[in-house]
PDB file of all heavy atoms in Angstrom:
ATOM      1  N   ASP A   1      20.252 -96.499-104.308  1.00  0.00           N
ATOM      2  CA  ASP A   1      19.551 -97.513-103.586  1.00  0.00           C
ATOM      3  C   ASP A   1      18.002 -97.409-103.821  1.00  0.00           C
ATOM      4  O   ASP A   1      17.237 -98.377-103.517  1.00  0.00           O
ATOM      5  CB  ASP A   1      19.819 -97.527-102.048  1.00  0.00           C
ATOM      6  CG  ASP A   1      21.175 -97.982-101.820  1.00  0.00           C
ATOM      7  OD1 ASP A   1      21.765 -98.718-102.612  1.00  0.00           O
ATOM      8  OD2 ASP A   1      21.750 -97.608-100.702  1.00  0.00           O
ATOM      9  N   GLU A   2      17.471 -96.300-104.165  1.00  0.00           N
ATOM     10  CA  GLU A   2      16.070 -96.030-104.277  1.00  0.00           C
ATOM     11  C   GLU A   2      15.541 -95.665-105.707  1.00  0.00           C
ATOM     12  O   GLU A   2      14.456 -95.957-106.029  1.00  0.00           O
ATOM     13  CB  GLU A   2      15.611 -94.911-103.318  1.00  0.00           C
ATOM     14  CG  GLU A   2      15.746 -95.312-101.838  1.00  0.00           C
ATOM     15  CD  GLU A   2      15.237 -94.205-100.961  1.00  0.00           C
ATOM     16  OE1 GLU A   2      14.180 -93.661-101.287  1.00  0.00           O
ATOM     17  OE2 GLU A   2      15.888 -94.143 -99.895  1.00  0.00           O
ATOM     18  N   TRP A   3      16.357 -95.008-106.477  1.00  0.00           N
ATOM     19  CA  TRP A   3      15.881 -94.533-107.819  1.00  0.00           C
ATOM     20  C   TRP A   3      16.810 -94.903-108.907  1.00  0.00           C
ATOM     21  O   TRP A   3      17.939 -95.172-108.726  1.00  0.00           O
ATOM     22  CB  TRP A   3      15.915 -93.012-107.725  1.00  0.00           C
ATOM     23  CG  TRP A   3      14.949 -92.438-106.667  1.00  0.00           C
ATOM     24  CD1 TRP A   3      15.378 -91.932-105.505  1.00  0.00           C
ATOM     25  CD2 TRP A   3      13.560 -92.271-106.781  1.00  0.00           C
ATOM     26  NE1 TRP A   3      14.207 -91.575-104.871  1.00  0.00           N
ATOM     27  CE2 TRP A   3      13.089 -91.769-105.641  1.00  0.00           C
ATOM     28  CE3 TRP A   3      12.552 -92.616-107.778  1.00  0.00           C
ATOM     29  CZ2 TRP A   3      11.762 -91.489-105.388  1.00  0.00           C
ATOM     30  CZ3 TRP A   3      11.325 -92.312-107.484  1.00  0.00           C
ATOM     31  CH2 TRP A   3      10.900 -91.753-106.374  1.00  0.00           C
ATOM     32  N   VAL A   4      16.209 -94.864-110.075  1.00  0.00           N
ATOM     33  CA  VAL A   4      16.902 -94.993-111.357  1.00  0.00           C
ATOM     34  C   VAL A   4      16.848 -93.625-112.072  1.00  0.00           C
ATOM     35  O   VAL A   4      15.719 -93.033-112.057  1.00  0.00           O
ATOM     36  CB  VAL A   4      16.320 -96.060-112.330  1.00  0.00           C
ATOM     37  CG1 VAL A   4      17.064 -96.083-113.656  1.00  0.00           C
ATOM     38  CG2 VAL A   4      16.293 -97.376-111.677  1.00  0.00           C
ATOM     39  N   TYR A   5      17.938 -93.056-112.600  1.00  0.00           N
ATOM     40  CA  TYR A   5      17.932 -91.786-113.235  1.00  0.00           C
ATOM     41  C   TYR A   5      18.283 -91.956-114.614  1.00  0.00           C
ATOM     42  O   TYR A   5      19.217 -92.705-115.008  1.00  0.00           O
ATOM     43  CB  TYR A   5      18.978 -90.860-112.551  1.00  0.00           C
ATOM     44  CG  TYR A   5      18.816 -90.708-111.117  1.00  0.00           C
ATOM     45  CD1 TYR A   5      19.426 -91.586-110.103  1.00  0.00           C
ATOM     46  CD2 TYR A   5      18.003 -89.682-110.553  1.00  0.00           C
ATOM     47  CE1 TYR A   5      19.236 -91.483-108.787  1.00  0.00           C
ATOM     48  CE2 TYR A   5      17.759 -89.615-109.161  1.00  0.00           C
ATOM     49  CZ  TYR A   5      18.357 -90.467-108.220  1.00  0.00           C
ATOM     50  OH  TYR A   5      18.245 -90.376-106.968  1.00  0.00           O
ATOM     51  N   ALA A   6      17.567 -91.239-115.475  1.00  0.00           N
ATOM     52  CA  ALA A   6      17.839 -91.392-116.977  1.00  0.00           C
ATOM     53  C   ALA A   6      18.030 -89.948-117.530  1.00  0.00           C
ATOM     54  O   ALA A   6      17.169 -89.101-117.172  1.00  0.00           O
ATOM     55  CB  ALA A   6      16.767 -92.078-117.672  1.00  0.00           C
ATOM     56  N   LYS A   7      18.998 -89.746-118.302  1.00  0.00           N
ATOM     57  CA  LYS A   7      19.097 -88.463-119.053  1.00  0.00           C
ATOM     58  C   LYS A   7      18.832 -88.789-120.539  1.00  0.00           C
ATOM     59  O   LYS A   7      19.166 -89.843-120.969  1.00  0.00           O
ATOM     60  CB  LYS A   7      20.538 -87.868-118.940  1.00  0.00           C
ATOM     61  CG  LYS A   7      20.793 -87.314-117.589  1.00  0.00           C
ATOM     62  CD  LYS A   7      22.153 -86.628-117.607  1.00  0.00           C
ATOM     63  CE  LYS A   7      22.487 -86.040-116.243  1.00  0.00           C
ATOM     64  NZ  LYS A   7      23.876 -85.481-116.285  1.00  0.00           N
ATOM     65  N   TYR A   8      18.103 -87.865-121.145  1.00  0.00           N
ATOM     66  CA  TYR A   8      17.776 -88.071-122.543  1.00  0.00           C
ATOM     67  C   TYR A   8      17.717 -86.738-123.168  1.00  0.00           C
ATOM     68  O   TYR A   8      17.540 -85.685-122.520  1.00  0.00           O
ATOM     69  CB  TYR A   8      16.372 -88.768-122.689  1.00  0.00           C
ATOM     70  CG  TYR A   8      15.191 -88.021-122.124  1.00  0.00           C
ATOM     71  CD1 TYR A   8      14.437 -87.192-122.956  1.00  0.00           C
ATOM     72  CD2 TYR A   8      14.939 -88.072-120.802  1.00  0.00           C
ATOM     73  CE1 TYR A   8      13.317 -86.528-122.532  1.00  0.00           C
ATOM     74  CE2 TYR A   8      13.780 -87.326-120.362  1.00  0.00           C
ATOM     75  CZ  TYR A   8      12.999 -86.588-121.208  1.00  0.00           C
ATOM     76  OH  TYR A   8      11.964 -85.818-120.746  1.00  0.00           O
ATOM     77  N   VAL A   9      17.830 -86.718-124.496  1.00  0.00           N
ATOM     78  CA  VAL A   9      17.649 -85.527-125.331  1.00  0.00           C
ATOM     79  C   VAL A   9      16.401 -85.585-126.095  1.00  0.00           C
ATOM     80  O   VAL A   9      16.026 -86.592-126.779  1.00  0.00           O
ATOM     81  CB  VAL A   9      18.881 -85.446-126.407  1.00  0.00           C
ATOM     82  CG1 VAL A   9      18.599 -84.244-127.247  1.00  0.00           C
ATOM     83  CG2 VAL A   9      20.160 -85.300-125.697  1.00  0.00           C
ATOM     84  N   ASP A  10      15.542 -84.561-125.929  1.00  0.00           N
ATOM     85  CA  ASP A  10      14.258 -84.410-126.649  1.00  0.00           C
ATOM     86  C   ASP A  10      14.567 -83.939-128.052  1.00  0.00           C
ATOM     87  O   ASP A  10      15.073 -82.838-128.265  1.00  0.00           O
ATOM     88  CB  ASP A  10      13.404 -83.408-125.841  1.00  0.00           C
ATOM     89  CG  ASP A  10      12.024 -83.271-126.423  1.00  0.00           C
ATOM     90  OD1 ASP A  10      11.911 -83.348-127.615  1.00  0.00           O
ATOM     91  OD2 ASP A  10      11.046 -83.035-125.641  1.00  0.00           O
ATOM     92  N   ALA A  11      14.222 -84.780-128.999  1.00  0.00           N
ATOM     93  CA  ALA A  11      14.560 -84.417-130.365  1.00  0.00           C
ATOM     94  C   ALA A  11      13.794 -83.240-130.810  1.00  0.00           C
ATOM     95  O   ALA A  11      14.317 -82.474-131.804  1.00  0.00           O
ATOM     96  CB  ALA A  11      14.282 -85.644-131.311  1.00  0.00           C
ATOM     97  N   ALA A  12      12.672 -82.997-130.359  1.00  0.00           N
ATOM     98  CA  ALA A  12      11.816 -81.891-130.804  1.00  0.00           C
ATOM     99  C   ALA A  12      12.508 -80.494-130.433  1.00  0.00           C
ATOM    100  O   ALA A  12      12.500 -79.473-131.140  1.00  0.00           O
ATOM    101  CB  ALA A  12      10.398 -81.904-130.222  1.00  0.00           C
ATOM    102  N   THR A  13      13.101 -80.513-129.253  1.00  0.00           N
ATOM    103  CA  THR A  13      13.763 -79.250-128.729  1.00  0.00           C
ATOM    104  C   THR A  13      15.279 -79.183-128.727  1.00  0.00           C
ATOM    105  O   THR A  13      15.851 -78.145-128.555  1.00  0.00           O
ATOM    106  CB  THR A  13      13.161 -78.949-127.332  1.00  0.00           C
ATOM    107  OG1 THR A  13      13.678 -79.808-126.399  1.00  0.00           O
ATOM    108  CG2 THR A  13      11.694 -78.834-127.250  1.00  0.00           C
ATOM    109  N   GLY A  14      15.856 -80.474-128.733  1.00  0.00           N
ATOM    110  CA  GLY A  14      17.297 -80.569-128.532  1.00  0.00           C
ATOM    111  C   GLY A  14      17.677 -80.380-127.138  1.00  0.00           C
ATOM    112  O   GLY A  14      18.912 -80.442-126.788  1.00  0.00           O
ATOM    113  N   GLU A  15      16.808 -80.287-126.256  1.00  0.00           N
ATOM    114  CA  GLU A  15      17.081 -80.026-124.787  1.00  0.00           C
ATOM    115  C   GLU A  15      17.324 -81.352-124.062  1.00  0.00           C
ATOM    116  O   GLU A  15      16.673 -82.299-124.274  1.00  0.00           O
ATOM    117  CB  GLU A  15      15.887 -79.395-124.168  1.00  0.00           C
ATOM    118  CG  GLU A  15      15.974 -78.917-122.760  1.00  0.00           C
ATOM    119  CD  GLU A  15      14.690 -78.286-122.249  1.00  0.00           C
ATOM    120  OE1 GLU A  15      13.687 -78.128-123.056  1.00  0.00           O
ATOM    121  OE2 GLU A  15      14.671 -77.931-121.053  1.00  0.00           O
ATOM    122  N   GLU A  16      18.388 -81.379-123.219  1.00  0.00           N
ATOM    123  CA  GLU A  16      18.722 -82.512-122.403  1.00  0.00           C
ATOM    124  C   GLU A  16      17.842 -82.471-121.160  1.00  0.00           C
ATOM    125  O   GLU A  16      17.731 -81.386-120.529  1.00  0.00           O
ATOM    126  CB  GLU A  16      20.147 -82.666-122.048  1.00  0.00           C
ATOM    127  CG  GLU A  16      20.430 -83.941-121.244  1.00  0.00           C
ATOM    128  CD  GLU A  16      21.880 -84.151-120.929  1.00  0.00           C
ATOM    129  OE1 GLU A  16      22.477 -83.243-120.250  1.00  0.00           O
ATOM    130  OE2 GLU A  16      22.458 -85.151-121.547  1.00  0.00           O
ATOM    131  N   LYS A  17      17.187 -83.569-120.799  1.00  0.00           N
ATOM    132  CA  LYS A  17      16.354 -83.568-119.637  1.00  0.00           C
ATOM    133  C   LYS A  17      16.715 -84.814-118.751  1.00  0.00           C
ATOM    134  O   LYS A  17      17.445 -85.720-119.289  1.00  0.00           O
ATOM    135  CB  LYS A  17      14.930 -83.666-119.987  1.00  0.00           C
ATOM    136  CG  LYS A  17      14.447 -82.520-120.746  1.00  0.00           C
ATOM    137  CD  LYS A  17      13.002 -82.639-121.185  1.00  0.00           C
ATOM    138  CE  LYS A  17      12.591 -81.434-122.049  1.00  0.00           C
ATOM    139  NZ  LYS A  17      11.146 -81.377-122.279  1.00  0.00           N
ATOM    140  N   ARG A  18      16.321 -84.754-117.502  1.00  0.00           N
ATOM    141  CA  ARG A  18      16.613 -85.935-116.541  1.00  0.00           C
ATOM    142  C   ARG A  18      15.287 -86.288-115.874  1.00  0.00           C
ATOM    143  O   ARG A  18      14.528 -85.396-115.436  1.00  0.00           O
ATOM    144  CB  ARG A  18      17.668 -85.436-115.560  1.00  0.00           C
ATOM    145  CG  ARG A  18      18.057 -86.427-114.502  1.00  0.00           C
ATOM    146  CD  ARG A  18      19.217 -85.984-113.624  1.00  0.00           C
ATOM    147  NE  ARG A  18      19.687 -86.950-112.888  1.00  0.00           N
ATOM    148  CZ  ARG A  18      19.742 -86.891-111.511  1.00  0.00           C
ATOM    149  NH1 ARG A  18      19.285 -85.806-110.851  1.00  0.00           N
ATOM    150  NH2 ARG A  18      20.248 -87.851-110.752  1.00  0.00           N
ATOM    151  N   ILE A  19      15.068 -87.569-115.784  1.00  0.00           N
ATOM    152  CA  ILE A  19      14.011 -88.091-115.015  1.00  0.00           C
ATOM    153  C   ILE A  19      14.478 -89.123-113.966  1.00  0.00           C
ATOM    154  O   ILE A  19      15.549 -89.638-114.092  1.00  0.00           O
ATOM    155  CB  ILE A  19      12.906 -88.698-115.938  1.00  0.00           C
ATOM    156  CG1 ILE A  19      13.420 -89.806-116.780  1.00  0.00           C
ATOM    157  CG2 ILE A  19      12.285 -87.615-116.703  1.00  0.00           C
ATOM    158  CD1 ILE A  19      12.443 -90.556-117.585  1.00  0.00           C
ATOM    159  N   ARG A  20      13.632 -89.320-112.995  1.00  0.00           N
ATOM    160  CA  ARG A  20      13.933 -90.467-112.022  1.00  0.00           C
ATOM    161  C   ARG A  20      12.674 -91.303-111.933  1.00  0.00           C
ATOM    162  O   ARG A  20      11.561 -90.852-112.030  1.00  0.00           O
ATOM    163  CB  ARG A  20      14.418 -89.958-110.735  1.00  0.00           C
ATOM    164  CG  ARG A  20      13.343 -89.387-109.800  1.00  0.00           C
ATOM    165  CD  ARG A  20      13.755 -89.015-108.514  1.00  0.00           C
ATOM    166  NE  ARG A  20      12.631 -88.584-107.683  1.00  0.00           N
ATOM    167  CZ  ARG A  20      12.619 -88.256-106.487  1.00  0.00           C
ATOM    168  NH1 ARG A  20      13.711 -88.281-105.817  1.00  0.00           N
ATOM    169  NH2 ARG A  20      11.452 -87.940-105.876  1.00  0.00           N
ATOM    170  N   SER A  21      13.002 -92.496-111.562  1.00  0.00           N
ATOM    171  CA  SER A  21      11.885 -93.489-111.427  1.00  0.00           C
ATOM    172  C   SER A  21      12.350 -94.626-110.564  1.00  0.00           C
ATOM    173  O   SER A  21      13.483 -94.913-110.335  1.00  0.00           O
ATOM    174  CB  SER A  21      11.574 -94.005-112.910  1.00  0.00           C
ATOM    175  OG  SER A  21      10.455 -94.947-112.878  1.00  0.00           O
ATOM    176  N   ARG A  22      11.336 -95.502-110.186  1.00  0.00           N
ATOM    177  CA  ARG A  22      11.590 -96.580-109.374  1.00  0.00           C
ATOM    178  C   ARG A  22      12.199 -97.745-110.219  1.00  0.00           C
ATOM    179  O   ARG A  22      13.019 -98.487-109.780  1.00  0.00           O
ATOM    180  CB  ARG A  22      10.325 -97.161-108.606  1.00  0.00           C
ATOM    181  CG  ARG A  22       9.916 -96.154-107.598  1.00  0.00           C
ATOM    182  CD  ARG A  22      10.798 -96.264-106.318  1.00  0.00           C
ATOM    183  NE  ARG A  22      10.191 -95.421-105.304  1.00  0.00           N
ATOM    184  CZ  ARG A  22      10.855 -94.923-104.340  1.00  0.00           C
ATOM    185  NH1 ARG A  22      12.036 -95.274-104.209  1.00  0.00           N
ATOM    186  NH2 ARG A  22      10.233 -94.207-103.477  1.00  0.00           N
ATOM    187  N   PHE A  23      11.651 -97.774-111.536  1.00  0.00           N
ATOM    188  CA  PHE A  23      12.081 -98.768-112.379  1.00  0.00           C
ATOM    189  C   PHE A  23      12.424 -98.225-113.788  1.00  0.00           C
ATOM    190  O   PHE A  23      11.891 -97.217-114.205  1.00  0.00           O
ATOM    191  CB  PHE A  23      11.017 -99.832-112.661  1.00  0.00           C
ATOM    192  CG  PHE A  23      10.529-100.509-111.372  1.00  0.00           C
ATOM    193  CD1 PHE A  23       9.445-100.045-110.697  1.00  0.00           C
ATOM    194  CD2 PHE A  23      11.228-101.584-110.871  1.00  0.00           C
ATOM    195  CE1 PHE A  23       9.020-100.674-109.472  1.00  0.00           C
ATOM    196  CE2 PHE A  23      10.965-102.218-109.676  1.00  0.00           C
ATOM    197  CZ  PHE A  23       9.779-101.738-108.985  1.00  0.00           C
ATOM    198  N   LEU A  24      13.265 -98.885-114.567  1.00  0.00           N
ATOM    199  CA  LEU A  24      13.509 -98.488-115.881  1.00  0.00           C
ATOM    200  C   LEU A  24      13.364 -99.717-116.884  1.00  0.00           C
ATOM    201  O   LEU A  24      13.873-100.762-116.477  1.00  0.00           O
ATOM    202  CB  LEU A  24      14.953 -98.023-116.133  1.00  0.00           C
ATOM    203  CG  LEU A  24      15.416 -97.725-117.537  1.00  0.00           C
ATOM    204  CD1 LEU A  24      14.822 -96.364-118.041  1.00  0.00           C
ATOM    205  CD2 LEU A  24      16.873 -97.676-117.687  1.00  0.00           C
ATOM    206  N   VAL A  25      12.576 -99.590-117.802  1.00  0.00           N
ATOM    207  CA  VAL A  25      12.310-100.706-118.785  1.00  0.00           C
ATOM    208  C   VAL A  25      13.070-100.379-120.083  1.00  0.00           C
ATOM    209  O   VAL A  25      12.792 -99.383-120.704  1.00  0.00           O
ATOM    210  CB  VAL A  25      10.841-100.932-119.149  1.00  0.00           C
ATOM    211  CG1 VAL A  25      10.654-101.953-120.137  1.00  0.00           C
ATOM    212  CG2 VAL A  25      10.048-101.222-117.797  1.00  0.00           C
ATOM    213  N   GLY A  26      14.085-101.159-120.389  1.00  0.00           N
ATOM    214  CA  GLY A  26      14.849-100.993-121.579  1.00  0.00           C
ATOM    215  C   GLY A  26      14.195-101.721-122.680  1.00  0.00           C
ATOM    216  O   GLY A  26      14.592-102.973-122.875  1.00  0.00           O
ATOM    217  N   ALA A  27      13.402-101.155-123.508  1.00  0.00           N
ATOM    218  CA  ALA A  27      12.763-101.851-124.611  1.00  0.00           C
ATOM    219  C   ALA A  27      13.307-101.325-125.980  1.00  0.00           C
ATOM    220  O   ALA A  27      12.529-101.101-126.897  1.00  0.00           O
ATOM    221  CB  ALA A  27      11.222-101.693-124.554  1.00  0.00           C
ATOM    222  N   ASP A  28      14.637-101.199-125.917  1.00  0.00           N
ATOM    223  CA  ASP A  28      15.298-100.545-127.067  1.00  0.00           C
ATOM    224  C   ASP A  28      16.024-101.585-127.955  1.00  0.00           C
ATOM    225  O   ASP A  28      16.829-101.165-128.838  1.00  0.00           O
ATOM    226  CB  ASP A  28      16.133 -99.409-126.690  1.00  0.00           C
ATOM    227  CG  ASP A  28      17.117 -99.745-125.625  1.00  0.00           C
ATOM    228  OD1 ASP A  28      17.034-100.851-125.050  1.00  0.00           O
ATOM    229  OD2 ASP A  28      17.978 -98.865-125.269  1.00  0.00           O
ATOM    230  N   GLY A  29      15.773-102.817-127.769  1.00  0.00           N
ATOM    231  CA  GLY A  29      16.333-103.879-128.603  1.00  0.00           C
ATOM    232  C   GLY A  29      17.675-104.348-128.253  1.00  0.00           C
ATOM    233  O   GLY A  29      18.275-103.808-127.284  1.00  0.00           O
ATOM    234  N   LYS A  30      18.109-105.425-128.879  1.00  0.00           N
ATOM    235  CA  LYS A  30      19.400-106.096-128.468  1.00  0.00           C
ATOM    236  C   LYS A  30      20.703-105.246-128.771  1.00  0.00           C
ATOM    237  O   LYS A  30      21.693-105.504-128.211  1.00  0.00           O
ATOM    238  CB  LYS A  30      19.609-107.368-129.187  1.00  0.00           C
ATOM    239  CG  LYS A  30      19.758-107.349-130.730  1.00  0.00           C
ATOM    240  CD  LYS A  30      19.833-108.720-131.269  1.00  0.00           C
ATOM    241  CE  LYS A  30      20.325-108.718-132.622  1.00  0.00           C
ATOM    242  NZ  LYS A  30      20.427-110.049-133.211  1.00  0.00           N
ATOM    243  N   THR A  31      20.604-104.202-129.629  1.00  0.00           N
ATOM    244  CA  THR A  31      21.708-103.318-129.853  1.00  0.00           C
ATOM    245  C   THR A  31      21.491-101.988-129.262  1.00  0.00           C
ATOM    246  O   THR A  31      22.203-101.045-129.602  1.00  0.00           O
ATOM    247  CB  THR A  31      22.090-103.252-131.291  1.00  0.00           C
ATOM    248  OG1 THR A  31      20.938-102.683-131.993  1.00  0.00           O
ATOM    249  CG2 THR A  31      22.487-104.645-131.847  1.00  0.00           C
ATOM    250  N   GLY A  32      20.476-101.852-128.428  1.00  0.00           N
ATOM    251  CA  GLY A  32      20.045-100.441-127.870  1.00  0.00           C
ATOM    252  C   GLY A  32      20.989-100.110-126.744  1.00  0.00           C
ATOM    253  O   GLY A  32      21.867-100.761-126.217  1.00  0.00           O
ATOM    254  N   PHE A  33      20.817 -98.805-126.364  1.00  0.00           N
ATOM    255  CA  PHE A  33      21.664 -98.138-125.386  1.00  0.00           C
ATOM    256  C   PHE A  33      21.591 -98.891-124.058  1.00  0.00           C
ATOM    257  O   PHE A  33      22.612 -99.094-123.463  1.00  0.00           O
ATOM    258  CB  PHE A  33      21.157 -96.664-125.192  1.00  0.00           C
ATOM    259  CG  PHE A  33      21.940 -95.857-124.193  1.00  0.00           C
ATOM    260  CD1 PHE A  33      23.010 -95.124-124.606  1.00  0.00           C
ATOM    261  CD2 PHE A  33      21.658 -95.890-122.845  1.00  0.00           C
ATOM    262  CE1 PHE A  33      23.709 -94.386-123.715  1.00  0.00           C
ATOM    263  CE2 PHE A  33      22.397 -95.190-121.920  1.00  0.00           C
ATOM    264  CZ  PHE A  33      23.440 -94.423-122.391  1.00  0.00           C
ATOM    265  N   THR A  34      20.417 -99.225-123.678  1.00  0.00           N
ATOM    266  CA  THR A  34      20.271 -99.870-122.299  1.00  0.00           C
ATOM    267  C   THR A  34      21.067-101.092-122.228  1.00  0.00           C
ATOM    268  O   THR A  34      21.785-101.260-121.206  1.00  0.00           O
ATOM    269  CB  THR A  34      18.802-100.225-122.156  1.00  0.00           C
ATOM    270  OG1 THR A  34      17.992 -99.065-122.283  1.00  0.00           O
ATOM    271  CG2 THR A  34      18.486-100.757-120.713  1.00  0.00           C
ATOM    272  N   ARG A  35      21.048-101.974-123.124  1.00  0.00           N
ATOM    273  CA  ARG A  35      21.874-103.082-123.084  1.00  0.00           C
ATOM    274  C   ARG A  35      23.425-102.872-123.207  1.00  0.00           C
ATOM    275  O   ARG A  35      24.259-103.157-122.441  1.00  0.00           O
ATOM    276  CB  ARG A  35      21.403-104.133-124.089  1.00  0.00           C
ATOM    277  CG  ARG A  35      22.413-105.461-123.992  1.00  0.00           C
ATOM    278  CD  ARG A  35      22.214-106.407-125.111  1.00  0.00           C
ATOM    279  NE  ARG A  35      20.966-107.065-124.873  1.00  0.00           N
ATOM    280  CZ  ARG A  35      20.613-108.038-125.703  1.00  0.00           C
ATOM    281  NH1 ARG A  35      21.411-108.431-126.613  1.00  0.00           N
ATOM    282  NH2 ARG A  35      19.522-108.613-125.440  1.00  0.00           N
ATOM    283  N   LYS A  36      23.795-102.229-124.247  1.00  0.00           N
ATOM    284  CA  LYS A  36      25.118-101.954-124.617  1.00  0.00           C
ATOM    285  C   LYS A  36      25.936-101.037-123.747  1.00  0.00           C
ATOM    286  O   LYS A  36      27.102-101.311-123.420  1.00  0.00           O
ATOM    287  CB  LYS A  36      25.344-101.490-126.099  1.00  0.00           C
ATOM    288  CG  LYS A  36      24.830-102.498-127.115  1.00  0.00           C
ATOM    289  CD  LYS A  36      25.755-103.694-127.075  1.00  0.00           C
ATOM    290  CE  LYS A  36      25.393-104.789-128.079  1.00  0.00           C
ATOM    291  NZ  LYS A  36      26.091-105.924-127.965  1.00  0.00           N
ATOM    292  N   MET A  37      25.285 -99.974-123.221  1.00  0.00           N
ATOM    293  CA  MET A  37      25.967 -98.984-122.482  1.00  0.00           C
ATOM    294  C   MET A  37      25.691 -99.085-120.984  1.00  0.00           C
ATOM    295  O   MET A  37      26.447 -98.431-120.140  1.00  0.00           O
ATOM    296  CB  MET A  37      25.599 -97.611-122.980  1.00  0.00           C
ATOM    297  CG  MET A  37      25.861 -97.350-124.443  1.00  0.00           C
ATOM    298  SD  MET A  37      27.578 -97.552-124.916  1.00  0.00           S
ATOM    299  CE  MET A  37      28.347 -96.135-124.204  1.00  0.00           C
ATOM    300  N   TYR A  38      24.684 -99.873-120.506  1.00  0.00           N
ATOM    301  CA  TYR A  38      24.382 -99.895-119.165  1.00  0.00           C
ATOM    302  C   TYR A  38      24.424-101.351-118.534  1.00  0.00           C
ATOM    303  O   TYR A  38      25.180-101.691-117.571  1.00  0.00           O
ATOM    304  CB  TYR A  38      22.989 -99.344-118.913  1.00  0.00           C
ATOM    305  CG  TYR A  38      22.658 -99.229-117.422  1.00  0.00           C
ATOM    306  CD1 TYR A  38      23.317 -98.373-116.625  1.00  0.00           C
ATOM    307  CD2 TYR A  38      21.624-100.120-116.780  1.00  0.00           C
ATOM    308  CE1 TYR A  38      23.069 -98.265-115.298  1.00  0.00           C
ATOM    309  CE2 TYR A  38      21.427 -99.971-115.479  1.00  0.00           C
ATOM    310  CZ  TYR A  38      22.083 -98.997-114.793  1.00  0.00           C
ATOM    311  OH  TYR A  38      21.795 -98.966-113.386  1.00  0.00           O
ATOM    312  N   LEU A  39      23.732-102.266-119.206  1.00  0.00           N
ATOM    313  CA  LEU A  39      23.614-103.671-118.612  1.00  0.00           C
ATOM    314  C   LEU A  39      24.945-104.502-118.906  1.00  0.00           C
ATOM    315  O   LEU A  39      25.456-105.106-117.973  1.00  0.00           O
ATOM    316  CB  LEU A  39      22.460-104.390-119.194  1.00  0.00           C
ATOM    317  CG  LEU A  39      21.114-103.890-118.815  1.00  0.00           C
ATOM    318  CD1 LEU A  39      19.924-104.602-119.550  1.00  0.00           C
ATOM    319  CD2 LEU A  39      20.995-103.943-117.298  1.00  0.00           C
TER     320      LEU A  39
END
């Protein structure tokens, strides 16, 4: 109800990280993860 959580892999380290935010902007294109796997 309050947060959006995103997990991602940092390519430089290979480490998986998690962040939280009030908003998420999916600017990854029409075939990107945000649209295909979430929306």
